[in-house]
Amino acid sequence: MALWKISAKSSTNAPCKNKRQKLEKGMFVETSTASTTPPLGQTREHPMLAQLFMSKYGIEIDPSHMNRSYFDCEKIG
């Protein structure tokens, strides 16, 4: 099991479904995974990551945009 911090690289509205919403640099969520593979590298994890951003910040992220272009993934545990 691994603990991960997924954070926004920069301020943008590009990955957001609603273009009036904006992802701000430094926004982050934390999650755990059963494997040691980063969740940004696993397509099946993207909807869960998008839901975490929705729950924490109220921002709808398009799961197809959950990638290293917009987010950093850091193993923290």
C-alpha atoms as a PDB file:
ATOM      1  CA  MET A   1       0.000   0.000   0.000  1.00  0.00           C
ATOM      2  CA  ALA A   2       1.211   3.513  -0.839  1.00  0.00           C
ATOM      3  CA  LEU A   3       0.049   7.031   0.019  1.00  0.00           C
ATOM      4  CA  TRP A   4       0.108   9.680  -2.737  1.00  0.00           C
ATOM      5  CA  LYS A   5      -0.255  13.449  -2.985  1.00  0.00           C
ATOM      6  CA  ILE A   6      -1.675  14.662  -6.317  1.00  0.00           C
ATOM      7  CA  SER A   7      -1.219  18.414  -6.783  1.00  0.00           C
ATOM      8  CA  ALA A   8      -1.939  20.951  -9.523  1.00  0.00           C
ATOM      9  CA  LYS A   9       1.191  22.124 -11.346  1.00  0.00           C
ATOM     10  CA  SER A  10      -0.209  25.512 -12.354  1.00  0.00           C
ATOM     11  CA  SER A  11      -3.351  27.628 -12.348  1.00  0.00           C
ATOM     12  CA  THR A  12      -5.551  26.722 -15.304  1.00  0.00           C
ATOM     13  CA  ASN A  13      -9.111  25.907 -16.289  1.00  0.00           C
ATOM     14  CA  ALA A  14      -8.024  23.403 -18.974  1.00  0.00           C
ATOM     15  CA  PRO A  15      -8.804  20.110 -17.161  1.00  0.00           C
ATOM     16  CA  CYS A  16     -12.104  21.400 -15.709  1.00  0.00           C
ATOM     17  CA  LYS A  17     -15.438  20.312 -17.206  1.00  0.00           C
ATOM     18  CA  ASN A  18     -17.000  23.680 -16.321  1.00  0.00           C
ATOM     19  CA  LYS A  19     -14.758  26.352 -17.845  1.00  0.00           C
ATOM     20  CA  ARG A  20     -15.878  28.862 -15.197  1.00  0.00           C
ATOM     21  CA  GLN A  21     -14.041  26.771 -12.622  1.00  0.00           C
ATOM     22  CA  LYS A  22     -10.316  27.120 -12.214  1.00  0.00           C
ATOM     23  CA  LEU A  23      -7.718  24.760 -10.870  1.00  0.00           C
ATOM     24  CA  GLU A  24      -5.244  26.753  -8.787  1.00  0.00           C
ATOM     25  CA  LYS A  25      -1.571  25.878  -8.441  1.00  0.00           C
ATOM     26  CA  GLY A  26      -0.977  23.964  -5.230  1.00  0.00           C
ATOM     27  CA  MET A  27      -4.463  22.465  -4.881  1.00  0.00           C
ATOM     28  CA  PHE A  28      -3.964  18.853  -3.851  1.00  0.00           C
ATOM     29  CA  VAL A  29      -5.652  15.659  -2.769  1.00  0.00           C
ATOM     30  CA  GLU A  30      -4.231  12.627  -1.015  1.00  0.00           C
ATOM     31  CA  THR A  31      -5.095   9.012  -1.706  1.00  0.00           C
ATOM     32  CA  SER A  32      -3.819   5.536  -1.038  1.00  0.00           C
ATOM     33  CA  THR A  33      -3.399   2.737  -3.547  1.00  0.00           C
ATOM     34  CA  ALA A  34      -2.923  -0.992  -3.171  1.00  0.00           C
ATOM     35  CA  SER A  35       0.038  -0.949  -5.543  1.00  0.00           C
ATOM     36  CA  THR A  36       3.185   1.157  -5.656  1.00  0.00           C
ATOM     37  CA  THR A  37       2.362   2.385  -9.181  1.00  0.00           C
ATOM     38  CA  PRO A  38       1.477   6.111  -9.202  1.00  0.00           C
ATOM     39  CA  PRO A  39      -2.284   6.657  -9.614  1.00  0.00           C
ATOM     40  CA  LEU A  40      -1.741   9.158 -12.455  1.00  0.00           C
ATOM     41  CA  GLY A  41      -0.283   6.262 -14.444  1.00  0.00           C
ATOM     42  CA  GLN A  42      -3.388   4.114 -13.946  1.00  0.00           C
ATOM     43  CA  THR A  43      -6.418   5.101 -16.022  1.00  0.00           C
ATOM     44  CA  ARG A  44      -8.760   3.183 -13.706  1.00  0.00           C
ATOM     45  CA  GLU A  45      -7.753   5.532 -10.836  1.00  0.00           C
ATOM     46  CA  HIS A  46      -8.537   8.783 -12.707  1.00  0.00           C
ATOM     47  CA  PRO A  47     -12.301   8.920 -11.925  1.00  0.00           C
ATOM     48  CA  MET A  48     -11.512   8.444  -8.223  1.00  0.00           C
ATOM     49  CA  LEU A  49      -8.936  11.260  -8.329  1.00  0.00           C
ATOM     50  CA  ALA A  50     -11.427  13.530 -10.109  1.00  0.00           C
ATOM     51  CA  GLN A  51     -13.996  12.709  -7.400  1.00  0.00           C
ATOM     52  CA  LEU A  52     -11.493  13.628  -4.678  1.00  0.00           C
ATOM     53  CA  PHE A  53     -11.003  17.088  -6.251  1.00  0.00           C
ATOM     54  CA  MET A  54     -14.802  17.446  -6.503  1.00  0.00           C
ATOM     55  CA  SER A  55     -15.260  16.498  -2.832  1.00  0.00           C
ATOM     56  CA  LYS A  56     -12.494  18.772  -1.547  1.00  0.00           C
ATOM     57  CA  TYR A  57     -12.767  21.826  -3.820  1.00  0.00           C
ATOM     58  CA  GLY A  58     -16.084  21.485  -5.695  1.00  0.00           C
ATOM     59  CA  ILE A  59     -14.218  21.455  -9.012  1.00  0.00           C
ATOM     60  CA  GLU A  60     -15.279  19.008 -11.725  1.00  0.00           C
ATOM     61  CA  ILE A  61     -12.129  17.617 -13.324  1.00  0.00           C
ATOM     62  CA  ASP A  62     -12.472  15.658 -16.552  1.00  0.00           C
ATOM     63  CA  PRO A  63     -10.966  12.227 -15.699  1.00  0.00           C
ATOM     64  CA  SER A  64      -9.382  12.058 -19.159  1.00  0.00           C
ATOM     65  CA  HIS A  65      -7.249  15.090 -18.145  1.00  0.00           C
ATOM     66  CA  MET A  66      -5.850  13.472 -14.996  1.00  0.00           C
ATOM     67  CA  ASN A  67      -2.270  13.259 -16.246  1.00  0.00           C
ATOM     68  CA  ARG A  68       1.193  14.634 -15.650  1.00  0.00           C
ATOM     69  CA  SER A  69       0.516  17.596 -17.947  1.00  0.00           C
ATOM     70  CA  TYR A  70      -1.589  19.223 -15.231  1.00  0.00           C
ATOM     71  CA  PHE A  71      -0.717  17.326 -12.043  1.00  0.00           C
ATOM     72  CA  ASP A  72       2.293  16.199 -10.017  1.00  0.00           C
ATOM     73  CA  CYS A  73       2.209  12.887  -8.213  1.00  0.00           C
ATOM     74  CA  GLU A  74       4.356  12.448  -5.119  1.00  0.00           C
ATOM     75  CA  LYS A  75       4.642   9.336  -2.979  1.00  0.00           C
ATOM     76  CA  ILE A  76       4.335  10.388   0.663  1.00  0.00           C
ATOM     77  CA  GLY A  77       4.015   7.077   2.441  1.00  0.00           C
END
